[in-house]
Amino acid sequence: MNGESEHIDGRKARGNKRRAEIIDATLAIVTRDGAAGVTHRTVAKQAGITTSLSTYYFATLDDLLVAALSSVAGTYTTRIRQIIDGPGDKLRGLAELIAESAGPGRERALAERELSTLAARRPALAPVVGGRTSPSSQPPSPTTPRPSPHSSPPPMVCAPPSSSTTPPPIPTMSAES
């Protein structure tokens, strides 16, 4: 019986490894061609596997894109958590992480941003980036206070320009242009 459980664990480990390889291939395609370049065929070619094996692990493109986005978001979240929970200057650690995303980690950061942007338009990816794709996509919860018609407007984030400054003139086009 023990040999059988080791055999099952070995198959599971190989399956997890294959899934990770397919996700890495997906991220390579997103980095190179954008999310629009992701198909089961292009992922399979990048991973060096058959298309049917790609669809065995990820039945739909949404499944594949969710897994890829979850992977990059999970990695980034883990890095942030390590900085926050670890010793040392937290601000410096976060600054270094941001600088890395513009340097050696740029390609991975671009893939994450590409997939996060896609999640705003593709409902299947929305749960990975926080649920709702737009403020109006779900009704407010019953516990959310609704403003009354007599309540004050919310405070402004920035003050309007003072009346002492005059805006720049608006360029006009002449008939000769």
Protein backbone atom coordinates (compact mmCIF):
# COMPACT_ATOMS: atom_id res chain seq x y z
CA MET A 1 0.00 0.00 0.00
CA ASN A 2 2.87 2.37 0.83
CA GLY A 3 4.37 1.86 -2.63
CA GLU A 4 1.01 2.73 -4.18
CA SER A 5 0.76 6.05 -2.28
CA GLU A 6 4.31 6.94 -3.33
CA HIS A 7 3.35 6.16 -6.94
CA ILE A 8 0.29 8.42 -6.69
CA ASP A 9 2.38 11.17 -5.09
CA GLY A 10 4.93 10.83 -7.90
CA ARG A 11 2.21 11.25 -10.53
CA LYS A 12 0.84 14.26 -8.69
CA ALA A 13 4.32 15.81 -8.49
CA ARG A 14 4.86 15.24 -12.22
CA GLY A 15 1.45 16.77 -12.93
CA ASN A 16 2.26 19.83 -10.81
CA LYS A 17 5.60 20.16 -12.59
CA ARG A 18 3.90 19.97 -16.00
CA ARG A 19 1.30 22.58 -14.96
CA ALA A 20 4.12 24.90 -13.85
CA GLU A 21 5.91 24.40 -17.18
CA ILE A 22 2.71 25.27 -19.08
CA ILE A 23 2.19 28.37 -16.91
CA ASP A 24 5.80 29.46 -17.53
CA ALA A 25 5.27 28.99 -21.27
CA THR A 26 2.09 31.11 -21.05
CA LEU A 27 3.96 33.88 -19.25
CA ALA A 28 6.72 33.77 -21.88
CA ILE A 29 4.11 34.27 -24.60
CA VAL A 30 2.38 37.09 -22.69
CA THR A 31 5.75 38.77 -22.27
CA ARG A 32 6.68 38.37 -25.92
CA ASP A 33 3.32 38.76 -27.72
CA GLY A 34 0.87 40.06 -25.14
CA ALA A 35 -2.17 38.21 -23.85
CA ALA A 36 -3.68 38.21 -27.34
CA GLY A 37 -0.90 35.82 -28.41
CA VAL A 38 -1.96 33.13 -25.94
CA THR A 39 -3.63 30.11 -27.54
CA HIS A 40 -3.39 26.48 -26.57
CA ARG A 41 -1.38 25.89 -29.72
CA THR A 42 1.18 28.66 -29.02
CA VAL A 43 1.51 27.61 -25.38
CA ALA A 44 2.01 23.98 -26.35
CA LYS A 45 4.67 24.93 -28.87
CA GLN A 46 6.46 27.14 -26.32
CA ALA A 47 6.32 24.36 -23.70
CA GLY A 48 7.39 21.66 -26.16
CA ILE A 49 4.23 19.59 -25.63
CA THR A 50 1.17 18.66 -27.67
CA THR A 51 -1.87 20.92 -27.78
CA SER A 52 -3.99 18.13 -26.33
CA LEU A 53 -1.72 17.98 -23.27
CA SER A 54 -2.13 21.72 -22.78
CA THR A 55 -5.91 21.36 -22.89
CA TYR A 56 -5.72 18.35 -20.54
CA TYR A 57 -4.28 20.57 -17.81
CA PHE A 58 -6.18 23.76 -18.74
CA ALA A 59 -9.49 23.08 -20.48
CA THR A 60 -10.07 26.69 -21.54
CA LEU A 61 -7.94 29.72 -22.27
CA ASP A 62 -9.51 31.41 -19.26
CA ASP A 63 -8.29 28.54 -17.06
CA LEU A 64 -4.81 29.03 -18.49
CA LEU A 65 -4.85 32.81 -18.07
CA VAL A 66 -6.21 32.55 -14.51
CA ALA A 67 -3.38 30.16 -13.62
CA ALA A 68 -0.77 32.46 -15.18
CA LEU A 69 -2.14 35.56 -13.44
CA SER A 70 -2.41 33.68 -10.14
CA SER A 71 1.21 32.62 -10.50
CA VAL A 72 2.62 36.11 -11.04
CA ALA A 73 0.31 37.70 -8.49
CA GLY A 74 1.18 35.03 -5.94
CA THR A 75 4.90 35.50 -6.48
CA TYR A 76 4.61 39.28 -6.14
CA THR A 77 2.41 39.01 -3.05
CA THR A 78 4.87 36.59 -1.44
CA ARG A 79 7.73 39.01 -2.09
CA ILE A 80 5.81 41.90 -0.56
CA ARG A 81 4.85 39.78 2.46
CA GLN A 82 8.53 38.80 2.97
CA ILE A 83 9.54 42.47 2.91
CA ILE A 84 6.82 43.51 5.33
CA ASP A 85 7.28 40.60 7.75
CA GLY A 86 11.08 40.43 7.48
CA PRO A 87 13.75 42.41 9.26
CA GLY A 88 15.18 45.60 7.84
CA ASP A 89 13.92 48.79 6.31
CA LYS A 90 10.48 48.06 4.84
CA LEU A 91 10.39 51.18 2.71
CA ARG A 92 13.78 50.40 1.20
CA GLY A 93 12.72 46.82 0.52
CA LEU A 94 9.57 47.93 -1.29
CA ALA A 95 11.54 50.54 -3.25
CA GLU A 96 14.01 47.86 -4.33
CA LEU A 97 11.13 45.62 -5.43
CA ILE A 98 9.68 48.43 -7.52
CA ALA A 99 13.10 49.23 -9.00
CA GLU A 100 13.56 45.55 -9.83
CA SER A 101 10.29 45.56 -11.79
CA ALA A 102 11.80 48.25 -14.00
CA GLY A 103 15.12 46.40 -14.32
CA PRO A 104 15.83 42.67 -14.24
CA GLY A 105 12.23 41.78 -13.30
CA ARG A 106 10.71 43.99 -15.99
CA GLU A 107 9.49 41.18 -18.22
CA ARG A 108 7.66 39.42 -15.40
CA ALA A 109 6.17 42.74 -14.23
CA LEU A 110 4.95 43.49 -17.77
CA ALA A 111 3.29 40.08 -17.98
CA GLU A 112 1.56 40.68 -14.64
CA ARG A 113 0.31 44.10 -15.73
CA GLU A 114 -0.87 42.77 -19.07
CA LEU A 115 -2.85 40.00 -17.39
CA SER A 116 -4.19 42.35 -14.69
CA THR A 117 -5.43 44.73 -17.37
CA LEU A 118 -7.03 41.82 -19.22
CA ALA A 119 -8.83 40.88 -15.98
CA ALA A 120 -10.69 44.20 -16.11
CA ARG A 121 -12.34 43.03 -19.35
CA ARG A 122 -12.49 39.27 -18.85
CA PRO A 123 -14.77 38.24 -15.95
CA ALA A 124 -13.09 34.84 -15.45
CA LEU A 125 -9.86 36.58 -14.38
CA ALA A 126 -11.54 39.09 -12.05
CA PRO A 127 -11.42 36.94 -8.88
CA VAL A 128 -7.63 36.81 -9.11
CA VAL A 129 -7.30 40.60 -8.98
CA GLY A 130 -9.90 41.27 -6.35
CA GLY A 131 -13.29 40.25 -7.58
CA ARG A 132 -15.24 42.92 -9.37
CA THR A 133 -14.33 44.12 -12.81
CA SER A 134 -16.14 47.42 -12.44
CA PRO A 135 -17.88 49.29 -9.62
CA SER A 136 -21.29 48.73 -11.20
CA SER A 137 -20.83 45.01 -11.91
CA GLN A 138 -22.39 44.03 -8.58
CA PRO A 139 -25.11 45.67 -6.54
CA PRO A 140 -24.03 47.30 -3.29
CA SER A 141 -24.32 45.07 -0.26
CA PRO A 142 -27.22 45.68 2.13
CA THR A 143 -24.72 46.83 4.76
CA THR A 144 -23.23 49.52 2.52
CA PRO A 145 -24.70 52.85 3.63
CA ARG A 146 -26.34 54.68 0.79
CA PRO A 147 -25.98 58.45 0.70
CA SER A 148 -29.18 60.34 1.32
CA PRO A 149 -30.18 63.10 -1.08
CA HIS A 150 -29.55 65.59 1.75
CA SER A 151 -26.08 64.37 2.71
CA SER A 152 -22.94 66.34 1.97
CA PRO A 153 -20.90 65.37 -1.05
CA PRO A 154 -17.73 63.40 -0.35
CA PRO A 155 -14.65 65.52 0.31
CA MET A 156 -12.60 66.38 -2.76
CA VAL A 157 -9.29 64.61 -3.12
CA CYS A 158 -7.64 67.71 -4.51
CA ALA A 159 -8.68 71.32 -4.26
CA PRO A 160 -10.05 73.05 -7.34
CA PRO A 161 -7.79 75.68 -8.90
CA SER A 162 -8.01 79.01 -7.18
CA SER A 163 -9.80 81.80 -8.97
CA SER A 164 -6.62 83.90 -8.98
CA THR A 165 -4.96 81.68 -11.57
CA THR A 166 -6.13 81.94 -15.11
CA PRO A 167 -6.12 78.87 -17.27
CA PRO A 168 -3.92 78.86 -20.34
CA PRO A 169 -5.64 79.94 -23.54
CA ILE A 170 -7.15 77.19 -25.65
CA PRO A 171 -5.46 77.00 -29.04
CA THR A 172 -7.76 77.54 -31.95
CA MET A 173 -7.36 76.23 -35.44
CA SER A 174 -7.35 78.70 -38.25
CA ALA A 175 -8.97 78.03 -41.60
CA GLU A 176 -5.51 77.78 -43.17
CA SER A 177 -4.43 74.83 -40.98
